[in-house]
Structure formats: C-alpha cells, structure tokens
N, C-alpha and C. Protein backbone atom coordinates (compact mmCIF):
# COMPACT_ATOMS: atom_id res chain seq x y z
N UNK A 1 -9.47 -14.07 -0.23
CA UNK A 1 -8.65 -15.16 0.25
C UNK A 1 -7.71 -14.62 1.33
N UNK A 2 -7.54 -15.39 2.40
CA UNK A 2 -6.64 -15.00 3.48
C UNK A 2 -5.20 -15.10 3.00
N UNK A 3 -4.44 -14.03 3.20
CA UNK A 3 -3.04 -13.99 2.76
C UNK A 3 -2.15 -14.90 3.59
N UNK A 4 -2.63 -15.36 4.73
CA UNK A 4 -1.81 -16.20 5.62
C UNK A 4 -2.09 -17.69 5.41
N UNK A 5 -3.36 -18.09 5.49
CA UNK A 5 -3.68 -19.51 5.45
C UNK A 5 -4.38 -19.96 4.17
N UNK A 6 -4.83 -19.01 3.35
CA UNK A 6 -5.47 -19.36 2.08
C UNK A 6 -6.96 -19.63 2.18
N UNK A 7 -7.55 -19.47 3.36
CA UNK A 7 -9.00 -19.66 3.52
C UNK A 7 -9.74 -18.71 2.60
N UNK A 8 -10.82 -19.19 1.98
CA UNK A 8 -11.63 -18.32 1.15
C UNK A 8 -12.94 -18.03 1.86
N UNK A 9 -13.46 -16.84 1.65
CA UNK A 9 -14.71 -16.42 2.28
C UNK A 9 -15.89 -16.89 1.44
N UNK A 10 -16.91 -17.36 2.12
CA UNK A 10 -18.15 -17.76 1.45
C UNK A 10 -19.29 -16.97 2.07
N UNK A 11 -20.31 -16.69 1.28
CA UNK A 11 -21.46 -15.97 1.80
C UNK A 11 -21.24 -14.47 1.79
N UNK A 12 -21.79 -13.78 2.81
CA UNK A 12 -21.67 -12.32 2.85
C UNK A 12 -20.21 -11.90 3.05
N UNK A 13 -19.90 -10.65 2.73
CA UNK A 13 -18.51 -10.18 2.90
C UNK A 13 -18.02 -10.41 4.33
N UNK A 14 -16.84 -10.97 4.49
CA UNK A 14 -16.32 -11.28 5.83
C UNK A 14 -15.84 -10.03 6.56
N UNK A 15 -15.68 -10.15 7.85
CA UNK A 15 -15.15 -9.06 8.68
C UNK A 15 -13.68 -9.34 8.96
N UNK A 16 -12.91 -9.48 7.92
CA UNK A 16 -11.50 -9.82 8.03
C UNK A 16 -10.65 -8.58 8.27
N UNK A 17 -9.43 -8.82 8.75
CA UNK A 17 -8.47 -7.75 8.97
C UNK A 17 -7.83 -7.37 7.65
N UNK A 18 -7.71 -6.08 7.40
CA UNK A 18 -7.12 -5.57 6.17
C UNK A 18 -5.80 -4.91 6.50
N UNK A 19 -4.79 -5.14 5.66
CA UNK A 19 -3.46 -4.56 5.85
C UNK A 19 -2.87 -4.20 4.50
N UNK A 20 -2.00 -3.21 4.49
CA UNK A 20 -1.24 -2.88 3.28
C UNK A 20 0.22 -3.12 3.61
N UNK A 21 0.84 -4.04 2.89
CA UNK A 21 2.24 -4.39 3.12
C UNK A 21 3.01 -4.23 1.83
N UNK A 22 4.02 -3.39 1.84
CA UNK A 22 4.80 -3.15 0.63
C UNK A 22 3.95 -2.58 -0.49
N UNK A 23 2.91 -1.84 -0.13
CA UNK A 23 2.02 -1.24 -1.12
C UNK A 23 0.94 -2.18 -1.64
N UNK A 24 0.93 -3.43 -1.20
CA UNK A 24 -0.05 -4.40 -1.68
C UNK A 24 -1.11 -4.65 -0.60
N UNK A 25 -2.39 -4.65 -0.98
CA UNK A 25 -3.45 -4.94 -0.01
C UNK A 25 -3.45 -6.43 0.35
N UNK A 26 -3.69 -6.71 1.64
CA UNK A 26 -3.75 -8.10 2.11
C UNK A 26 -4.90 -8.23 3.10
N UNK A 27 -5.59 -9.35 3.04
CA UNK A 27 -6.68 -9.64 3.96
C UNK A 27 -6.31 -10.87 4.78
N UNK A 28 -6.68 -10.87 6.07
CA UNK A 28 -6.41 -11.98 6.96
C UNK A 28 -7.71 -12.41 7.63
N UNK A 29 -7.97 -13.73 7.61
CA UNK A 29 -9.20 -14.26 8.21
C UNK A 29 -9.20 -14.01 9.71
N UNK A 30 -10.36 -14.19 10.33
CA UNK A 30 -10.49 -13.94 11.76
C UNK A 30 -9.53 -14.81 12.58
N UNK A 31 -9.38 -16.09 12.20
CA UNK A 31 -8.51 -17.00 12.95
C UNK A 31 -7.06 -16.54 12.90
N UNK A 32 -6.55 -16.20 11.72
CA UNK A 32 -5.17 -15.73 11.59
C UNK A 32 -4.97 -14.41 12.31
N UNK A 33 -5.94 -13.52 12.22
CA UNK A 33 -5.83 -12.23 12.90
C UNK A 33 -5.75 -12.44 14.41
N UNK A 34 -6.61 -13.32 14.96
CA UNK A 34 -6.58 -13.58 16.42
C UNK A 34 -5.25 -14.18 16.85
N UNK A 35 -4.72 -15.11 16.06
CA UNK A 35 -3.46 -15.77 16.41
C UNK A 35 -2.27 -14.81 16.40
N UNK A 36 -2.38 -13.72 15.62
CA UNK A 36 -1.24 -12.83 15.42
C UNK A 36 -1.54 -11.39 15.78
N UNK A 37 -2.49 -11.16 16.68
CA UNK A 37 -2.93 -9.80 16.99
C UNK A 37 -1.81 -8.91 17.52
N UNK A 38 -0.90 -9.45 18.32
CA UNK A 38 0.19 -8.61 18.84
C UNK A 38 1.11 -8.12 17.72
N UNK A 39 1.41 -8.98 16.76
CA UNK A 39 2.24 -8.58 15.63
C UNK A 39 1.51 -7.55 14.77
N UNK A 40 0.21 -7.75 14.60
CA UNK A 40 -0.59 -6.81 13.80
C UNK A 40 -0.60 -5.45 14.48
N UNK A 41 -0.86 -5.43 15.79
CA UNK A 41 -0.90 -4.16 16.51
C UNK A 41 0.46 -3.48 16.50
N UNK A 42 1.54 -4.26 16.47
CA UNK A 42 2.89 -3.70 16.42
C UNK A 42 3.30 -3.33 15.00
N UNK A 43 2.39 -3.58 14.04
CA UNK A 43 2.59 -3.27 12.62
C UNK A 43 3.74 -4.04 11.99
N UNK A 44 3.96 -5.27 12.44
CA UNK A 44 4.96 -6.13 11.80
C UNK A 44 4.33 -6.74 10.56
N UNK A 45 5.06 -6.75 9.46
CA UNK A 45 4.57 -7.41 8.26
C UNK A 45 4.35 -8.88 8.57
N UNK A 46 3.43 -9.53 7.86
CA UNK A 46 3.09 -10.92 8.13
C UNK A 46 4.28 -11.86 7.93
N UNK A 47 5.30 -11.46 7.20
CA UNK A 47 6.50 -12.29 7.07
C UNK A 47 7.14 -12.55 8.42
N UNK A 48 6.95 -11.65 9.38
CA UNK A 48 7.54 -11.79 10.71
C UNK A 48 6.74 -12.69 11.63
N UNK A 49 5.49 -13.04 11.26
CA UNK A 49 4.67 -13.87 12.12
C UNK A 49 5.23 -15.26 12.15
C-alpha cells in the first residue's frame, strides 16, 4: 500500500519507491513518487511533502 495516497498494488510486484523514515519502511506508488521527486531526492520525510 502506498504510504502517501493509500493505493494498493495489484498483479505482479510494483516498481514503487522505497524509503525508510524514522526506522519504518514505507512504499510510495509511481504517481506519488513522480509528484514529489525533488523532496525524495532531497531526502525530506514525506511529512514535508
């Protein structure tokens, strides 16, 4: 499940973005990752998006 929008993956394993924030693993769908790529590259936690 996407940690940002709640989308669930169906079918084969998705190519989602993986992050560890506060020691917890988080996955982000392709759409959320594209919308927030600058924050991801700057290593801002998703709370800042």
